[in-house]
């Protein structure tokens, strides 16, 4: 260790906080797949009113058993190769009146903050 590093004092500056986006209505511009270790997840590129560049959202808050839960937009199919009924993705699509993933593009959706302060879709 360098001698100058041993002379470092405790700082007086507050840590910089990441910008938290505020919940608002967004427009879905593009729908794509993202591969993860757990499987495929649907990622929506959305236009956010206070930003020039698009942001990406891949989770949704929705009702399950009379409780609001947050889930990823996992691409899970039933035995006849349709999006699994009752999944977070299916609930989200139904809330926007989309019968296919392609129909999500161009739709406006409400958002909210999840428990980690990440922006997610709101479907309830």
Protein backbone atom coordinates (compact mmCIF):
# COMPACT_ATOMS: atom_id res chain seq x y z
CA UNK A 1 0.00 0.00 0.00
CA UNK A 2 1.31 3.47 -0.89
CA UNK A 3 2.23 5.80 1.95
CA UNK A 4 -0.18 8.46 0.55
CA UNK A 5 -3.07 5.96 0.74
CA UNK A 6 -2.39 5.45 4.41
CA UNK A 7 -2.87 9.19 4.93
CA UNK A 8 -6.43 9.31 3.50
CA UNK A 9 -9.00 10.80 5.87
CA UNK A 10 -12.75 10.13 6.11
CA UNK A 11 -14.57 12.15 3.46
CA UNK A 12 -17.17 14.82 4.10
CA UNK A 13 -19.18 14.47 0.88
CA UNK A 14 -22.51 12.63 0.85
CA UNK A 15 -22.62 9.64 -1.53
CA UNK A 16 -24.24 10.41 -4.87
CA UNK A 17 -27.67 8.87 -5.16
CA UNK A 18 -28.85 7.28 -8.37
CA UNK A 19 -31.64 9.08 -10.12
CA UNK A 20 -35.01 7.57 -9.28
CA UNK A 21 -37.49 7.79 -12.10
CA UNK A 22 -40.97 8.89 -11.10
CA UNK A 23 -43.98 6.72 -11.92
CA UNK A 24 -45.76 8.03 -15.00
CA UNK A 25 -47.44 6.88 -18.19
CA UNK A 26 -44.95 5.55 -20.77
CA UNK A 27 -45.28 4.43 -24.38
CA UNK A 28 -43.95 1.03 -25.42
CA UNK A 29 -41.71 1.55 -28.45
CA UNK A 30 -40.21 -1.90 -28.92
CA UNK A 31 -40.65 -5.39 -27.45
CA UNK A 32 -37.71 -7.79 -27.42
CA UNK A 33 -36.44 -10.95 -25.75
CA UNK A 34 -33.52 -11.02 -23.32
CA UNK A 35 -31.92 -14.36 -22.45
CA UNK A 36 -31.03 -14.91 -18.80
CA UNK A 37 -29.82 -17.92 -16.82
CA UNK A 38 -33.43 -18.55 -15.77
CA UNK A 39 -34.92 -18.28 -19.26
CA UNK A 40 -36.27 -15.64 -21.62
CA UNK A 41 -37.72 -12.42 -20.31
CA UNK A 42 -39.64 -9.83 -22.29
CA UNK A 43 -37.99 -6.42 -22.24
CA UNK A 44 -39.97 -3.38 -23.31
CA UNK A 45 -38.17 -0.32 -24.59
CA UNK A 46 -40.30 2.64 -23.57
CA UNK A 47 -40.24 6.37 -24.12
CA UNK A 48 -40.12 8.16 -20.78
CA UNK A 49 -41.43 11.75 -20.82
CA UNK A 50 -38.47 13.33 -19.00
CA UNK A 51 -35.69 11.59 -20.95
CA UNK A 52 -34.45 11.76 -24.49
CA UNK A 53 -33.16 8.19 -24.59
CA UNK A 54 -35.53 5.24 -24.05
CA UNK A 55 -35.50 3.13 -20.91
CA UNK A 56 -36.14 -0.61 -20.53
CA UNK A 57 -38.75 -2.25 -18.31
CA UNK A 58 -39.11 -6.00 -17.81
CA UNK A 59 -41.35 -6.37 -14.74
CA UNK A 60 -44.92 -5.65 -13.72
CA UNK A 61 -46.93 -5.11 -10.55
CA UNK A 62 -50.26 -6.96 -10.72
CA UNK A 63 -52.92 -8.58 -8.54
CA UNK A 64 -52.59 -12.21 -7.49
CA UNK A 65 -54.85 -13.63 -4.78
CA UNK A 66 -56.10 -10.13 -3.90
CA UNK A 67 -52.53 -8.92 -3.27
CA UNK A 68 -50.27 -6.72 -5.39
CA UNK A 69 -47.19 -8.72 -6.43
CA UNK A 70 -44.28 -7.83 -8.63
CA UNK A 71 -43.08 -10.26 -11.28
CA UNK A 72 -40.78 -10.42 -14.23
CA UNK A 73 -42.23 -10.54 -17.73
CA UNK A 74 -41.03 -14.14 -18.17
CA UNK A 75 -41.72 -15.72 -21.53
CA UNK A 76 -43.38 -18.97 -20.48
CA UNK A 77 -45.52 -21.00 -22.84
CA UNK A 78 -48.30 -23.52 -22.25
CA UNK A 79 -48.40 -26.96 -23.87
CA UNK A 80 -49.89 -25.56 -27.10
CA UNK A 81 -47.12 -22.92 -27.33
CA UNK A 82 -49.18 -19.88 -26.27
CA UNK A 83 -48.18 -17.46 -23.53
CA UNK A 84 -49.09 -19.08 -20.22
CA UNK A 85 -52.47 -17.90 -18.97
CA UNK A 86 -52.24 -16.22 -15.56
CA UNK A 87 -48.54 -15.41 -15.89
CA UNK A 88 -47.31 -11.88 -15.15
CA UNK A 89 -46.79 -11.39 -18.88
CA UNK A 90 -50.32 -12.57 -19.73
CA UNK A 91 -51.87 -10.34 -17.06
CA UNK A 92 -49.87 -7.35 -18.33
CA UNK A 93 -50.82 -7.99 -21.96
CA UNK A 94 -54.50 -8.38 -21.05
CA UNK A 95 -54.49 -5.15 -19.05
CA UNK A 96 -53.41 -3.30 -22.20
CA UNK A 97 -55.74 -5.20 -24.52
CA UNK A 98 -52.88 -6.87 -26.39
CA UNK A 99 -53.46 -10.39 -27.70
CA UNK A 100 -49.90 -10.82 -29.00
CA UNK A 101 -46.51 -9.48 -27.96
CA UNK A 102 -46.38 -7.41 -31.14
CA UNK A 103 -49.59 -5.63 -30.15
CA UNK A 104 -47.82 -4.21 -27.07
CA UNK A 105 -45.81 -1.87 -29.30
CA UNK A 106 -47.41 1.56 -29.44
CA UNK A 107 -49.46 1.00 -26.27
CA UNK A 108 -49.31 3.39 -23.32
CA UNK A 109 -48.89 1.87 -19.87
CA UNK A 110 -48.86 3.15 -16.31
CA UNK A 111 -45.79 2.56 -14.16
CA UNK A 112 -44.93 2.48 -10.47
CA UNK A 113 -41.86 1.88 -8.33
CA UNK A 114 -41.20 -1.61 -7.02
CA UNK A 115 -39.70 -2.41 -3.61
CA UNK A 116 -36.18 -1.69 -4.94
CA UNK A 117 -37.24 1.66 -6.44
CA UNK A 118 -37.03 0.35 -10.00
CA UNK A 119 -39.70 1.42 -12.44
CA UNK A 120 -42.12 -1.38 -13.39
CA UNK A 121 -45.38 -1.56 -15.27
CA UNK A 122 -48.61 -1.28 -13.29
CA UNK A 123 -51.37 -3.71 -14.30
CA UNK A 124 -54.08 -3.48 -11.63
